[in-house]
Amino acid sequence: MQLVRFFITPDTGLLHMAIALDVKTLAIFTYTNPKLVDPQTDNFVACFQPDFSKVQDSLYFGTKELDVGYLCGRADKLLNS
């Protein structure tokens, strides 16, 4: 992981490894709210679209409907940080 410019992963164990290694990471969340794992670092950018009809403990769940333009914009944010 440390040999790549950045890493793209869903919310899996690989995400947590990348965060621990401080690798630039674009994380795709389709269900879990990224606030539950947000490491508060510039090397982490989450892709998440809330489903406002699904909420638990004041956190919205996500939707699988992630627009390609949105994902590209989030990748640009990561690479420009």
N, C-alpha and C. Protein backbone atom coordinates (compact mmCIF):
# COMPACT_ATOMS: atom_id res chain seq x y z
N MET A 1 0.81 -1.20 0.00
CA MET A 1 0.00 0.00 0.00
C MET A 1 0.85 1.26 0.00
N GLN A 2 1.97 1.21 0.66
CA GLN A 2 2.80 2.41 0.76
C GLN A 2 3.51 2.73 -0.54
N LEU A 3 3.42 1.87 -1.55
CA LEU A 3 4.06 2.11 -2.83
C LEU A 3 3.14 2.79 -3.83
N VAL A 4 1.88 2.97 -3.50
CA VAL A 4 0.93 3.59 -4.44
C VAL A 4 0.72 5.06 -4.10
N ARG A 5 0.26 5.82 -5.09
CA ARG A 5 -0.02 7.24 -4.88
C ARG A 5 -1.25 7.42 -3.99
N PHE A 6 -2.27 6.61 -4.23
CA PHE A 6 -3.47 6.61 -3.40
C PHE A 6 -4.16 5.27 -3.53
N PHE A 7 -5.11 5.03 -2.65
CA PHE A 7 -5.78 3.74 -2.55
C PHE A 7 -7.28 3.97 -2.56
N ILE A 8 -8.01 3.17 -3.32
CA ILE A 8 -9.48 3.23 -3.36
C ILE A 8 -10.01 1.93 -2.78
N THR A 9 -10.91 2.04 -1.82
CA THR A 9 -11.43 0.83 -1.17
C THR A 9 -12.83 1.09 -0.61
N PRO A 10 -13.64 0.05 -0.53
CA PRO A 10 -14.88 0.18 0.22
C PRO A 10 -14.58 0.08 1.72
N ASP A 11 -15.62 0.14 2.52
CA ASP A 11 -15.46 0.05 3.98
C ASP A 11 -15.17 -1.41 4.35
N THR A 12 -13.89 -1.76 4.31
CA THR A 12 -13.45 -3.13 4.63
C THR A 12 -12.20 -3.04 5.51
N GLY A 13 -11.64 -4.17 5.82
CA GLY A 13 -10.39 -4.21 6.59
C GLY A 13 -9.26 -3.48 5.88
N LEU A 14 -9.27 -3.50 4.54
CA LEU A 14 -8.23 -2.79 3.79
C LEU A 14 -8.29 -1.29 4.05
N LEU A 15 -9.47 -0.75 4.24
CA LEU A 15 -9.62 0.67 4.58
C LEU A 15 -8.90 0.96 5.89
N HIS A 16 -9.11 0.16 6.87
CA HIS A 16 -8.51 0.39 8.19
C HIS A 16 -6.99 0.22 8.15
N MET A 17 -6.50 -0.70 7.32
CA MET A 17 -5.06 -0.84 7.14
C MET A 17 -4.46 0.40 6.47
N ALA A 18 -5.12 0.91 5.45
CA ALA A 18 -4.64 2.10 4.75
C ALA A 18 -4.61 3.30 5.69
N ILE A 19 -5.62 3.44 6.53
CA ILE A 19 -5.65 4.53 7.50
C ILE A 19 -4.49 4.39 8.47
N ALA A 20 -4.26 3.17 8.94
CA ALA A 20 -3.18 2.94 9.90
C ALA A 20 -1.80 3.24 9.29
N LEU A 21 -1.66 2.99 7.98
CA LEU A 21 -0.40 3.26 7.29
C LEU A 21 -0.30 4.70 6.79
N ASP A 22 -1.35 5.49 6.99
CA ASP A 22 -1.41 6.89 6.57
C ASP A 22 -1.25 7.04 5.06
N VAL A 23 -1.88 6.11 4.31
CA VAL A 23 -1.89 6.14 2.86
C VAL A 23 -3.07 7.01 2.42
N LYS A 24 -2.89 7.84 1.37
CA LYS A 24 -4.04 8.59 0.85
C LYS A 24 -5.11 7.59 0.43
N THR A 25 -6.30 7.75 0.97
CA THR A 25 -7.36 6.76 0.78
C THR A 25 -8.68 7.40 0.41
N LEU A 26 -9.25 6.91 -0.69
CA LEU A 26 -10.60 7.27 -1.10
C LEU A 26 -11.49 6.10 -0.70
N ALA A 27 -12.37 6.31 0.25
CA ALA A 27 -13.19 5.24 0.80
C ALA A 27 -14.63 5.38 0.32
N ILE A 28 -15.17 4.31 -0.21
CA ILE A 28 -16.54 4.31 -0.73
C ILE A 28 -17.45 3.62 0.28
N PHE A 29 -18.40 4.38 0.77
CA PHE A 29 -19.38 3.88 1.74
C PHE A 29 -20.74 3.86 1.07
N THR A 30 -21.39 2.69 1.09
CA THR A 30 -22.74 2.61 0.52
C THR A 30 -23.80 2.39 1.58
N TYR A 31 -23.42 1.96 2.75
CA TYR A 31 -24.40 1.70 3.80
C TYR A 31 -23.98 2.36 5.11
N THR A 32 -22.79 2.05 5.58
CA THR A 32 -22.30 2.57 6.86
C THR A 32 -21.97 4.06 6.73
N ASN A 33 -22.35 4.83 7.73
CA ASN A 33 -22.03 6.25 7.74
C ASN A 33 -20.53 6.41 8.04
N PRO A 34 -19.79 7.14 7.20
CA PRO A 34 -18.34 7.27 7.41
C PRO A 34 -17.96 8.00 8.70
N LYS A 35 -18.89 8.68 9.33
CA LYS A 35 -18.58 9.34 10.60
C LYS A 35 -18.18 8.33 11.67
N LEU A 36 -18.55 7.07 11.47
CA LEU A 36 -18.20 6.03 12.43
C LEU A 36 -16.73 5.64 12.37
N VAL A 37 -16.06 5.92 11.24
CA VAL A 37 -14.65 5.52 11.10
C VAL A 37 -13.74 6.67 10.67
N ASP A 38 -14.25 7.87 10.55
CA ASP A 38 -13.48 9.01 10.05
C ASP A 38 -12.25 9.28 10.91
N PRO A 39 -11.03 9.12 10.34
CA PRO A 39 -9.81 9.32 11.13
C PRO A 39 -9.38 10.79 11.27
N GLN A 40 -10.13 11.73 10.68
CA GLN A 40 -9.81 13.16 10.79
C GLN A 40 -8.40 13.47 10.28
N THR A 41 -8.07 12.98 9.09
CA THR A 41 -6.78 13.24 8.47
C THR A 41 -6.99 13.69 7.04
N ASP A 42 -6.07 14.48 6.52
CA ASP A 42 -6.16 14.94 5.13
C ASP A 42 -5.96 13.81 4.14
N ASN A 43 -5.42 12.69 4.58
CA ASN A 43 -5.18 11.55 3.69
C ASN A 43 -6.40 10.65 3.54
N PHE A 44 -7.54 11.07 4.04
CA PHE A 44 -8.76 10.25 3.98
C PHE A 44 -9.91 11.09 3.43
N VAL A 45 -10.54 10.59 2.38
CA VAL A 45 -11.74 11.23 1.83
C VAL A 45 -12.80 10.15 1.67
N ALA A 46 -13.97 10.41 2.21
CA ALA A 46 -15.08 9.45 2.12
C ALA A 46 -16.03 9.85 1.00
N CYS A 47 -16.57 8.84 0.34
CA CYS A 47 -17.63 9.01 -0.65
C CYS A 47 -18.88 8.41 -0.04
N PHE A 48 -19.89 9.25 0.14
CA PHE A 48 -21.09 8.80 0.85
C PHE A 48 -22.26 9.68 0.47
N GLN A 49 -23.37 9.08 0.13
CA GLN A 49 -24.62 9.80 -0.13
C GLN A 49 -25.66 9.28 0.87
N PRO A 50 -26.12 10.13 1.78
CA PRO A 50 -27.07 9.66 2.80
C PRO A 50 -28.44 9.33 2.22
N ASP A 51 -29.06 8.34 2.79
CA ASP A 51 -30.45 8.01 2.51
C ASP A 51 -31.24 8.57 3.69
N PHE A 52 -31.87 9.71 3.48
CA PHE A 52 -32.52 10.42 4.57
C PHE A 52 -33.74 9.68 5.15
N SER A 53 -34.14 8.59 4.51
CA SER A 53 -35.26 7.82 5.06
C SER A 53 -34.78 6.75 6.04
N LYS A 54 -33.47 6.55 6.12
CA LYS A 54 -32.91 5.53 7.02
C LYS A 54 -31.97 6.18 8.02
N VAL A 55 -32.38 6.22 9.28
CA VAL A 55 -31.58 6.86 10.31
C VAL A 55 -31.57 6.00 11.57
N GLN A 56 -30.42 5.97 12.24
CA GLN A 56 -30.30 5.27 13.52
C GLN A 56 -29.29 6.02 14.37
N ASP A 57 -29.63 6.28 15.59
CA ASP A 57 -28.75 6.99 16.53
C ASP A 57 -28.25 8.31 15.93
N SER A 58 -29.13 9.03 15.28
CA SER A 58 -28.85 10.33 14.67
C SER A 58 -27.87 10.27 13.50
N LEU A 59 -27.58 9.09 12.97
CA LEU A 59 -26.73 8.94 11.79
C LEU A 59 -27.53 8.31 10.66
N TYR A 60 -27.39 8.90 9.48
CA TYR A 60 -28.08 8.34 8.31
C TYR A 60 -27.27 7.20 7.72
N PHE A 61 -27.98 6.20 7.21
CA PHE A 61 -27.35 5.16 6.43
C PHE A 61 -27.15 5.70 5.02
N GLY A 62 -26.39 4.98 4.22
CA GLY A 62 -26.10 5.45 2.88
C GLY A 62 -26.91 4.77 1.81
N THR A 63 -26.73 5.25 0.61
CA THR A 63 -27.36 4.68 -0.57
C THR A 63 -26.28 4.16 -1.51
N LYS A 64 -26.62 3.21 -2.34
CA LYS A 64 -25.68 2.67 -3.32
C LYS A 64 -25.60 3.56 -4.56
N GLU A 65 -26.40 4.58 -4.62
CA GLU A 65 -26.47 5.47 -5.78
C GLU A 65 -25.39 6.55 -5.69
N LEU A 66 -24.18 6.23 -6.13
CA LEU A 66 -23.08 7.18 -6.12
C LEU A 66 -22.76 7.57 -7.56
N ASP A 67 -22.92 8.83 -7.87
CA ASP A 67 -22.69 9.35 -9.21
C ASP A 67 -21.19 9.37 -9.53
N VAL A 68 -20.83 9.01 -10.76
CA VAL A 68 -19.43 8.97 -11.17
C VAL A 68 -18.79 10.35 -11.05
N GLY A 69 -19.52 11.40 -11.40
CA GLY A 69 -18.99 12.75 -11.26
C GLY A 69 -18.67 13.09 -9.81
N TYR A 70 -19.52 12.66 -8.91
CA TYR A 70 -19.29 12.87 -7.48
C TYR A 70 -18.01 12.15 -7.04
N LEU A 71 -17.86 10.89 -7.47
CA LEU A 71 -16.67 10.11 -7.10
C LEU A 71 -15.40 10.77 -7.64
N CYS A 72 -15.45 11.27 -8.87
CA CYS A 72 -14.28 11.95 -9.45
C CYS A 72 -13.94 13.22 -8.68
N GLY A 73 -14.96 13.95 -8.26
CA GLY A 73 -14.74 15.16 -7.47
C GLY A 73 -14.09 14.85 -6.13
N ARG A 74 -14.52 13.78 -5.50
CA ARG A 74 -13.94 13.38 -4.22
C ARG A 74 -12.48 12.92 -4.41
N ALA A 75 -12.21 12.24 -5.52
CA ALA A 75 -10.83 11.83 -5.81
C ALA A 75 -9.95 13.05 -6.03
N ASP A 76 -10.46 14.06 -6.73
CA ASP A 76 -9.71 15.30 -6.92
C ASP A 76 -9.39 15.96 -5.59
N LYS A 77 -10.37 15.95 -4.67
CA LYS A 77 -10.13 16.54 -3.34
C LYS A 77 -9.00 15.81 -2.64
N LEU A 78 -9.00 14.49 -2.72
CA LEU A 78 -7.96 13.71 -2.06
C LEU A 78 -6.59 14.00 -2.65
N LEU A 79 -6.52 14.02 -3.99
CA LEU A 79 -5.23 14.19 -4.65
C LEU A 79 -4.69 15.61 -4.55
N ASN A 80 -5.55 16.57 -4.29
CA ASN A 80 -5.11 17.97 -4.14
C ASN A 80 -4.83 18.34 -2.70
N SER A 81 -4.98 17.40 -1.78
CA SER A 81 -4.73 17.71 -0.36
C SER A 81 -3.28 17.49 0.00
